[in-house]
Amino acid sequence: MFIEIIVDGQVINTVTQQELFVLAAEGTIDPETIVRANGKLGRAGQVKGIKFLQPTALPLPTPTSSHTVSPHRQTQGYPPRSTSASATVRSGSPIYWYFEVLKKYAVFSGRARRQEFWMFMLTDAIIRFVLSGFSLIGAAGIVDTLYTLATLLPFLAVHVRRLHDIGNSGWWLCAPLLILFPLGGVILGVVAGTIAPDIGVVLFLFGICSGVFIGGLILFVFFCLDSQPGTNQYGPNPKGVGRSSLHH
């Protein structure tokens, strides 16, 4: 079971239960830290069997310190959370979100926020561009095909979860096909029956391309929409906002 650690509405790390116990024992997280497991939000102190570092008297940071200590952590004696650049980069970089999607390899349930979706798509495009360089040694087709097969399920899954995030069914991925066949079929039937067959075939192909374009444009707009606030029929808001459990 993977557990997400959430700070200020952002998922900053995804760990196993054992790794969460280690972070608690080290004092990296405290009982008030927001966590999410199996789609449910809660506090670290509610996790069964978890033990936290015992509070100790710690000196307050000097004005030149690079750490920011919350009033709660100061009064409870917990060490400050790390605000290092590496932690920030790790939680927000494209490669971080790319591996987050791969971790949910064939997970078609739940929701995916815009950042998760577009950062994955960006990294995927960069990888494919790099793989195209293998054409210099004549292996581009093989390498690209293997990569496509290996990432097909997470690629489809993150598209479905992104549609879920705005309250739409994953079947909307079929939008290009739903528009393609009716549009192309009507053009073929009308034109081929009244004009030369050759022209009908050309217009049929044009109808197919138009259907793909219109369906793809609809999906692009969907993928750009913000998350539906709060919980919808597919699960809680992946941003961790709009949830009653976050209210103090």
C-alpha atoms as a PDB file:
ATOM      1  CA  MET A   1       0.000   0.000   0.000  1.00  0.00           C
ATOM      2  CA  PHE A   2       1.318   3.422  -0.991  1.00  0.00           C
ATOM      3  CA  ILE A   3       0.689   6.481   1.166  1.00  0.00           C
ATOM      4  CA  GLU A   4       0.862  10.053  -0.146  1.00  0.00           C
ATOM      5  CA  ILE A   5       2.209  12.821   2.102  1.00  0.00           C
ATOM      6  CA  ILE A   6       0.444  16.141   1.484  1.00  0.00           C
ATOM      7  CA  VAL A   7       1.667  19.593   2.460  1.00  0.00           C
ATOM      8  CA  ASP A   8      -0.230  22.768   1.526  1.00  0.00           C
ATOM      9  CA  GLY A   9      -2.471  20.802  -0.818  1.00  0.00           C
ATOM     10  CA  GLN A  10       0.491  19.350  -2.736  1.00  0.00           C
ATOM     11  CA  VAL A  11       1.641  15.713  -2.784  1.00  0.00           C
ATOM     12  CA  ILE A  12       5.302  15.979  -1.799  1.00  0.00           C
ATOM     13  CA  ASN A  13       6.114  12.275  -1.496  1.00  0.00           C
ATOM     14  CA  THR A  14       4.642   8.809  -2.007  1.00  0.00           C
ATOM     15  CA  VAL A  15       5.901   6.126   0.390  1.00  0.00           C
ATOM     16  CA  THR A  16       5.096   2.658   1.660  1.00  0.00           C
ATOM     17  CA  GLN A  17       3.696   2.181   5.144  1.00  0.00           C
ATOM     18  CA  GLN A  18       7.095   1.039   6.419  1.00  0.00           C
ATOM     19  CA  GLU A  19       8.781   4.112   4.934  1.00  0.00           C
ATOM     20  CA  LEU A  20       6.132   6.276   6.622  1.00  0.00           C
ATOM     21  CA  PHE A  21       7.016   4.666   9.964  1.00  0.00           C
ATOM     22  CA  VAL A  22      10.685   5.508   9.361  1.00  0.00           C
ATOM     23  CA  LEU A  23       9.865   9.141   8.566  1.00  0.00           C
ATOM     24  CA  ALA A  24       7.807   9.365  11.755  1.00  0.00           C
ATOM     25  CA  ALA A  25      10.582   7.832  13.848  1.00  0.00           C
ATOM     26  CA  GLU A  26      13.101  10.289  12.368  1.00  0.00           C
ATOM     27  CA  GLY A  27      10.818  13.242  13.094  1.00  0.00           C
ATOM     28  CA  THR A  28      10.447  14.168   9.415  1.00  0.00           C
ATOM     29  CA  ILE A  29       6.663  14.095   9.823  1.00  0.00           C
ATOM     30  CA  ASP A  30       4.504  14.725  12.873  1.00  0.00           C
ATOM     31  CA  PRO A  31       1.052  13.475  13.937  1.00  0.00           C
ATOM     32  CA  GLU A  32      -0.643  16.432  12.215  1.00  0.00           C
ATOM     33  CA  THR A  33       0.875  15.721   8.783  1.00  0.00           C
ATOM     34  CA  ILE A  34      -1.846  15.163   6.161  1.00  0.00           C
ATOM     35  CA  VAL A  35      -1.622  11.769   4.429  1.00  0.00           C
ATOM     36  CA  ARG A  36      -3.764   9.939   1.881  1.00  0.00           C
ATOM     37  CA  ALA A  37      -4.095   6.151   1.586  1.00  0.00           C
ATOM     38  CA  ASN A  38      -6.531   4.256  -0.630  1.00  0.00           C
ATOM     39  CA  GLY A  39      -8.069   7.571  -1.663  1.00  0.00           C
ATOM     40  CA  LYS A  40      -8.865   8.616   1.915  1.00  0.00           C
ATOM     41  CA  LEU A  41      -7.378  11.675   3.595  1.00  0.00           C
ATOM     42  CA  GLY A  42      -6.344  11.690   7.217  1.00  0.00           C
ATOM     43  CA  ARG A  43      -3.517  12.557   9.591  1.00  0.00           C
ATOM     44  CA  ALA A  44      -0.335  10.599  10.140  1.00  0.00           C
ATOM     45  CA  GLY A  45      -1.182  10.220  13.813  1.00  0.00           C
ATOM     46  CA  GLN A  46      -4.211   8.132  12.824  1.00  0.00           C
ATOM     47  CA  VAL A  47      -2.132   5.440  11.087  1.00  0.00           C
ATOM     48  CA  LYS A  48      -2.193   2.252  13.164  1.00  0.00           C
ATOM     49  CA  GLY A  49       1.141   1.240  14.707  1.00  0.00           C
ATOM     50  CA  ILE A  50       2.987   4.465  13.860  1.00  0.00           C
ATOM     51  CA  LYS A  51       5.462   5.881  16.414  1.00  0.00           C
ATOM     52  CA  PHE A  52       6.807   9.407  16.300  1.00  0.00           C
ATOM     53  CA  LEU A  53      10.070  10.933  17.473  1.00  0.00           C
ATOM     54  CA  GLN A  54       9.636  12.116  21.034  1.00  0.00           C
ATOM     55  CA  PRO A  55       9.561  15.936  21.199  1.00  0.00           C
ATOM     56  CA  THR A  56      12.735  17.502  22.489  1.00  0.00           C
ATOM     57  CA  ALA A  57      13.664  21.053  23.344  1.00  0.00           C
ATOM     58  CA  LEU A  58      15.034  22.529  20.141  1.00  0.00           C
ATOM     59  CA  PRO A  59      16.462  26.006  19.667  1.00  0.00           C
ATOM     60  CA  LEU A  60      14.448  28.266  17.436  1.00  0.00           C
ATOM     61  CA  PRO A  61      16.100  28.950  14.059  1.00  0.00           C
ATOM     62  CA  THR A  62      18.070  32.129  13.631  1.00  0.00           C
ATOM     63  CA  PRO A  63      16.863  34.714  11.094  1.00  0.00           C
ATOM     64  CA  THR A  64      19.474  33.395   8.636  1.00  0.00           C
ATOM     65  CA  SER A  65      18.169  29.833   8.812  1.00  0.00           C
ATOM     66  CA  SER A  66      16.915  28.311   5.548  1.00  0.00           C
ATOM     67  CA  HIS A  67      14.148  26.456   7.397  1.00  0.00           C
ATOM     68  CA  THR A  68      10.663  27.661   8.216  1.00  0.00           C
ATOM     69  CA  VAL A  69       9.192  26.216  11.371  1.00  0.00           C
ATOM     70  CA  SER A  70       5.434  26.257  11.826  1.00  0.00           C
ATOM     71  CA  PRO A  71       4.073  27.422  15.199  1.00  0.00           C
ATOM     72  CA  HIS A  72       2.735  23.932  15.842  1.00  0.00           C
ATOM     73  CA  ARG A  73       6.103  22.282  15.285  1.00  0.00           C
ATOM     74  CA  GLN A  74       7.852  24.902  17.415  1.00  0.00           C
ATOM     75  CA  THR A  75       5.550  24.389  20.387  1.00  0.00           C
ATOM     76  CA  GLN A  76       5.625  20.598  20.073  1.00  0.00           C
ATOM     77  CA  GLY A  77       9.415  20.424  19.798  1.00  0.00           C
ATOM     78  CA  TYR A  78       9.578  18.755  16.385  1.00  0.00           C
ATOM     79  CA  PRO A  79      12.446  19.544  14.011  1.00  0.00           C
ATOM     80  CA  PRO A  80      11.618  21.742  11.006  1.00  0.00           C
ATOM     81  CA  ARG A  81      10.548  20.172   7.754  1.00  0.00           C
ATOM     82  CA  SER A  82      13.133  20.231   5.015  1.00  0.00           C
ATOM     83  CA  THR A  83      12.631  22.992   2.488  1.00  0.00           C
ATOM     84  CA  SER A  84      15.654  22.100   0.406  1.00  0.00           C
ATOM     85  CA  ALA A  85      15.645  22.782  -3.303  1.00  0.00           C
ATOM     86  CA  SER A  86      16.019  19.068  -4.042  1.00  0.00           C
ATOM     87  CA  ALA A  87      12.776  18.256  -2.230  1.00  0.00           C
ATOM     88  CA  THR A  88      10.950  20.986  -4.145  1.00  0.00           C
ATOM     89  CA  VAL A  89      12.306  19.832  -7.489  1.00  0.00           C
ATOM     90  CA  ARG A  90      11.493  16.232  -6.705  1.00  0.00           C
ATOM     91  CA  SER A  91       7.851  16.932  -5.931  1.00  0.00           C
ATOM     92  CA  GLY A  92       7.175  19.221  -8.876  1.00  0.00           C
ATOM     93  CA  SER A  93       9.480  18.128 -11.690  1.00  0.00           C
ATOM     94  CA  PRO A  94       8.217  16.400 -14.846  1.00  0.00           C
ATOM     95  CA  ILE A  95      10.271  13.280 -14.099  1.00  0.00           C
ATOM     96  CA  TYR A  96       8.674  13.021 -10.641  1.00  0.00           C
ATOM     97  CA  TRP A  97       5.168  12.996 -12.135  1.00  0.00           C
ATOM     98  CA  TYR A  98       6.285  10.628 -14.881  1.00  0.00           C
ATOM     99  CA  PHE A  99       7.239   8.001 -12.305  1.00  0.00           C
ATOM    100  CA  GLU A 100       4.089   8.745 -10.300  1.00  0.00           C
ATOM    101  CA  VAL A 101       2.078   7.656 -13.363  1.00  0.00           C
ATOM    102  CA  LEU A 102       4.240   4.566 -13.867  1.00  0.00           C
ATOM    103  CA  LYS A 103       3.653   3.582 -10.226  1.00  0.00           C
ATOM    104  CA  LYS A 104      -0.065   3.451 -11.069  1.00  0.00           C
ATOM    105  CA  TYR A 105       0.762   1.200 -14.016  1.00  0.00           C
ATOM    106  CA  ALA A 106      -2.730  -0.135 -14.797  1.00  0.00           C
ATOM    107  CA  VAL A 107      -4.837   1.943 -12.402  1.00  0.00           C
ATOM    108  CA  PHE A 108      -7.837   3.195 -14.370  1.00  0.00           C
ATOM    109  CA  SER A 109      -9.833   4.175 -11.278  1.00  0.00           C
ATOM    110  CA  GLY A 110      -9.427   7.425  -9.372  1.00  0.00           C
ATOM    111  CA  ARG A 111      -8.423  10.862 -10.622  1.00  0.00           C
ATOM    112  CA  ALA A 112      -5.349  12.613 -12.081  1.00  0.00           C
ATOM    113  CA  ARG A 113      -4.809  16.354 -11.812  1.00  0.00           C
ATOM    114  CA  ARG A 114      -3.632  18.493 -14.749  1.00  0.00           C
ATOM    115  CA  GLN A 115      -0.055  18.695 -13.457  1.00  0.00           C
ATOM    116  CA  GLU A 116       0.265  14.919 -13.238  1.00  0.00           C
ATOM    117  CA  PHE A 117      -1.179  14.449 -16.748  1.00  0.00           C
ATOM    118  CA  TRP A 118       0.752  17.153 -18.593  1.00  0.00           C
ATOM    119  CA  MET A 119       4.067  16.519 -16.839  1.00  0.00           C
ATOM    120  CA  PHE A 120       3.791  12.851 -17.821  1.00  0.00           C
ATOM    121  CA  MET A 121       2.948  13.781 -21.415  1.00  0.00           C
ATOM    122  CA  LEU A 122       5.905  16.210 -21.546  1.00  0.00           C
ATOM    123  CA  THR A 123       8.370  13.629 -20.230  1.00  0.00           C
ATOM    124  CA  ASP A 124       6.928  10.961 -22.526  1.00  0.00           C
ATOM    125  CA  ALA A 125       7.398  13.252 -25.548  1.00  0.00           C
ATOM    126  CA  ILE A 126      11.001  13.991 -24.548  1.00  0.00           C
ATOM    127  CA  ILE A 127      11.760  10.287 -24.152  1.00  0.00           C
ATOM    128  CA  ARG A 128      10.273   9.530 -27.562  1.00  0.00           C
ATOM    129  CA  PHE A 129      12.340  12.330 -29.092  1.00  0.00           C
ATOM    130  CA  VAL A 130      15.506  10.882 -27.534  1.00  0.00           C
ATOM    131  CA  LEU A 131      14.594   7.384 -28.721  1.00  0.00           C
ATOM    132  CA  SER A 132      14.214   8.726 -32.257  1.00  0.00           C
ATOM    133  CA  GLY A 133      17.965   9.308 -32.129  1.00  0.00           C
ATOM    134  CA  PHE A 134      18.422   5.555 -32.387  1.00  0.00           C
ATOM    135  CA  SER A 135      17.500   5.949 -36.050  1.00  0.00           C
ATOM    136  CA  LEU A 136      21.179   6.797 -36.542  1.00  0.00           C
ATOM    137  CA  ILE A 137      22.031   3.193 -35.766  1.00  0.00           C
ATOM    138  CA  GLY A 138      18.983   1.727 -37.470  1.00  0.00           C
ATOM    139  CA  ALA A 139      17.199   0.593 -34.286  1.00  0.00           C
ATOM    140  CA  ALA A 140      14.641   3.385 -33.897  1.00  0.00           C
ATOM    141  CA  GLY A 141      11.635   1.235 -34.835  1.00  0.00           C
ATOM    142  CA  ILE A 142      12.454  -1.570 -32.416  1.00  0.00           C
ATOM    143  CA  VAL A 143      13.293   0.648 -29.431  1.00  0.00           C
ATOM    144  CA  ASP A 144      10.294   2.940 -29.932  1.00  0.00           C
ATOM    145  CA  THR A 145       7.944  -0.035 -30.315  1.00  0.00           C
ATOM    146  CA  LEU A 146       9.229  -1.657 -27.118  1.00  0.00           C
ATOM    147  CA  TYR A 147       8.847   1.637 -25.224  1.00  0.00           C
ATOM    148  CA  THR A 148       5.323   2.136 -26.584  1.00  0.00           C
ATOM    149  CA  LEU A 149       4.277  -1.375 -25.545  1.00  0.00           C
ATOM    150  CA  ALA A 150       5.843  -0.970 -22.081  1.00  0.00           C
ATOM    151  CA  THR A 151       4.058   2.336 -21.377  1.00  0.00           C
ATOM    152  CA  LEU A 152       0.749   1.676 -23.162  1.00  0.00           C
ATOM    153  CA  LEU A 153      -1.248   0.815 -20.032  1.00  0.00           C
ATOM    154  CA  PRO A 154      -0.068   3.750 -17.854  1.00  0.00           C
ATOM    155  CA  PHE A 155      -0.481   6.039 -20.895  1.00  0.00           C
ATOM    156  CA  LEU A 156      -4.133   5.042 -21.286  1.00  0.00           C
ATOM    157  CA  ALA A 157      -4.726   4.938 -17.522  1.00  0.00           C
ATOM    158  CA  VAL A 158      -3.596   8.533 -16.902  1.00  0.00           C
ATOM    159  CA  HIS A 159      -5.876   9.708 -19.746  1.00  0.00           C
ATOM    160  CA  VAL A 160      -8.844   7.938 -18.144  1.00  0.00           C
ATOM    161  CA  ARG A 161      -8.032   9.314 -14.669  1.00  0.00           C
ATOM    162  CA  ARG A 162      -7.698  12.855 -16.117  1.00  0.00           C
ATOM    163  CA  LEU A 163     -11.196  12.545 -17.589  1.00  0.00           C
ATOM    164  CA  HIS A 164     -12.428  11.268 -14.214  1.00  0.00           C
ATOM    165  CA  ASP A 165     -10.887  14.332 -12.556  1.00  0.00           C
ATOM    166  CA  ILE A 166     -13.261  16.654 -14.417  1.00  0.00           C
ATOM    167  CA  GLY A 167     -16.245  14.354 -13.859  1.00  0.00           C
ATOM    168  CA  ASN A 168     -16.289  12.628 -17.267  1.00  0.00           C
ATOM    169  CA  SER A 169     -16.258   8.944 -18.111  1.00  0.00           C
ATOM    170  CA  GLY A 170     -13.117   7.372 -19.522  1.00  0.00           C
ATOM    171  CA  TRP A 171     -15.177   6.333 -22.543  1.00  0.00           C
ATOM    172  CA  TRP A 172     -14.689   9.883 -23.821  1.00  0.00           C
ATOM    173  CA  LEU A 173     -11.357   8.589 -25.128  1.00  0.00           C
ATOM    174  CA  CYS A 174     -13.435   7.061 -27.900  1.00  0.00           C
ATOM    175  CA  ALA A 175     -14.671  10.511 -28.962  1.00  0.00           C
ATOM    176  CA  PRO A 176     -12.579  10.544 -32.174  1.00  0.00           C
ATOM    177  CA  LEU A 177     -14.080   7.174 -33.184  1.00  0.00           C
ATOM    178  CA  LEU A 178     -17.622   8.203 -32.262  1.00  0.00           C
ATOM    179  CA  ILE A 179     -17.313  11.245 -34.520  1.00  0.00           C
ATOM    180  CA  LEU A 180     -15.135   9.570 -37.179  1.00  0.00           C
ATOM    181  CA  PHE A 181     -17.473   6.801 -38.360  1.00  0.00           C
ATOM    182  CA  PRO A 182     -20.784   8.728 -38.479  1.00  0.00           C
ATOM    183  CA  LEU A 183     -19.220  11.731 -40.190  1.00  0.00           C
ATOM    184  CA  GLY A 184     -17.171   9.702 -42.659  1.00  0.00           C
ATOM    185  CA  GLY A 185     -20.033   7.288 -43.309  1.00  0.00           C
ATOM    186  CA  VAL A 186     -22.535  10.026 -44.125  1.00  0.00           C
ATOM    187  CA  ILE A 187     -20.126  11.706 -46.519  1.00  0.00           C
ATOM    188  CA  LEU A 188     -19.350   8.391 -48.226  1.00  0.00           C
ATOM    189  CA  GLY A 189     -22.993   7.368 -48.514  1.00  0.00           C
ATOM    190  CA  VAL A 190     -24.250  10.670 -49.878  1.00  0.00           C
ATOM    191  CA  VAL A 191     -21.398  11.489 -52.224  1.00  0.00           C
ATOM    192  CA  ALA A 192     -20.588   7.982 -53.463  1.00  0.00           C
ATOM    193  CA  GLY A 193     -24.244   7.454 -54.335  1.00  0.00           C
ATOM    194  CA  THR A 194     -24.563  10.603 -56.401  1.00  0.00           C
ATOM    195  CA  ILE A 195     -21.075  11.265 -57.774  1.00  0.00           C
ATOM    196  CA  ALA A 196     -18.196   9.193 -59.076  1.00  0.00           C
ATOM    197  CA  PRO A 197     -16.941   6.557 -56.598  1.00  0.00           C
ATOM    198  CA  ASP A 198     -13.423   7.977 -56.680  1.00  0.00           C
ATOM    199  CA  ILE A 199     -14.586  11.325 -55.349  1.00  0.00           C
ATOM    200  CA  GLY A 200     -16.663   9.560 -52.728  1.00  0.00           C
ATOM    201  CA  VAL A 201     -13.626   7.696 -51.446  1.00  0.00           C
ATOM    202  CA  VAL A 202     -11.573  10.892 -51.249  1.00  0.00           C
ATOM    203  CA  LEU A 203     -14.304  12.687 -49.308  1.00  0.00           C
ATOM    204  CA  PHE A 204     -14.715   9.659 -47.061  1.00  0.00           C
ATOM    205  CA  LEU A 205     -11.028   9.886 -46.127  1.00  0.00           C
ATOM    206  CA  PHE A 206     -11.485  13.604 -45.556  1.00  0.00           C
ATOM    207  CA  GLY A 207     -14.448  12.824 -43.298  1.00  0.00           C
ATOM    208  CA  ILE A 208     -12.317  10.406 -41.266  1.00  0.00           C
ATOM    209  CA  CYS A 209      -9.567  13.012 -40.805  1.00  0.00           C
ATOM    210  CA  SER A 210     -12.166  15.622 -39.814  1.00  0.00           C
ATOM    211  CA  GLY A 211     -13.681  13.249 -37.257  1.00  0.00           C
ATOM    212  CA  VAL A 212     -10.299  12.520 -35.709  1.00  0.00           C
ATOM    213  CA  PHE A 213      -9.479  16.238 -35.547  1.00  0.00           C
ATOM    214  CA  ILE A 214     -12.796  17.250 -33.964  1.00  0.00           C
ATOM    215  CA  GLY A 215     -12.718  14.378 -31.453  1.00  0.00           C
ATOM    216  CA  GLY A 216      -9.094  15.107 -30.582  1.00  0.00           C
ATOM    217  CA  LEU A 217      -9.874  18.803 -30.095  1.00  0.00           C
ATOM    218  CA  ILE A 218     -12.696  17.945 -27.670  1.00  0.00           C
ATOM    219  CA  LEU A 219     -10.342  15.744 -25.638  1.00  0.00           C
ATOM    220  CA  PHE A 220      -7.629  18.424 -25.623  1.00  0.00           C
ATOM    221  CA  VAL A 221     -10.090  20.921 -24.115  1.00  0.00           C
ATOM    222  CA  PHE A 222     -11.117  18.347 -21.488  1.00  0.00           C
ATOM    223  CA  PHE A 223      -7.506  17.676 -20.527  1.00  0.00           C
ATOM    224  CA  CYS A 224      -6.931  21.419 -19.995  1.00  0.00           C
ATOM    225  CA  LEU A 225      -9.836  21.829 -17.557  1.00  0.00           C
ATOM    226  CA  ASP A 226      -9.176  22.194 -13.836  1.00  0.00           C
ATOM    227  CA  SER A 227     -10.036  19.498 -11.304  1.00  0.00           C
ATOM    228  CA  GLN A 228     -13.646  19.202 -10.190  1.00  0.00           C
ATOM    229  CA  PRO A 229     -13.815  20.617  -6.643  1.00  0.00           C
ATOM    230  CA  GLY A 230     -14.145  18.206  -3.736  1.00  0.00           C
ATOM    231  CA  THR A 231     -15.073  14.568  -4.208  1.00  0.00           C
ATOM    232  CA  ASN A 232     -16.851  13.342  -7.317  1.00  0.00           C
ATOM    233  CA  GLN A 233     -18.072   9.863  -8.297  1.00  0.00           C
ATOM    234  CA  TYR A 234     -14.517   8.797  -9.162  1.00  0.00           C
ATOM    235  CA  GLY A 235     -12.820   9.771  -5.895  1.00  0.00           C
ATOM    236  CA  PRO A 236     -11.417  12.693  -3.872  1.00  0.00           C
ATOM    237  CA  ASN A 237      -9.816  15.750  -5.411  1.00  0.00           C
ATOM    238  CA  PRO A 238      -6.165  14.789  -6.141  1.00  0.00           C
ATOM    239  CA  LYS A 239      -5.080  18.293  -5.114  1.00  0.00           C
ATOM    240  CA  GLY A 240      -6.251  17.549  -1.575  1.00  0.00           C
ATOM    241  CA  VAL A 241      -8.451  20.654  -1.506  1.00  0.00           C
ATOM    242  CA  GLY A 242     -12.161  21.030  -0.942  1.00  0.00           C
ATOM    243  CA  ARG A 243     -12.120  18.201   1.612  1.00  0.00           C
ATOM    244  CA  SER A 244     -13.755  18.465   5.004  1.00  0.00           C
ATOM    245  CA  SER A 245     -10.933  16.484   6.593  1.00  0.00           C
ATOM    246  CA  LEU A 246      -8.514  19.287   5.782  1.00  0.00           C
ATOM    247  CA  HIS A 247     -10.482  21.808   7.795  1.00  0.00           C
ATOM    248  CA  HIS A 248      -9.239  22.453  11.291  1.00  0.00           C
END
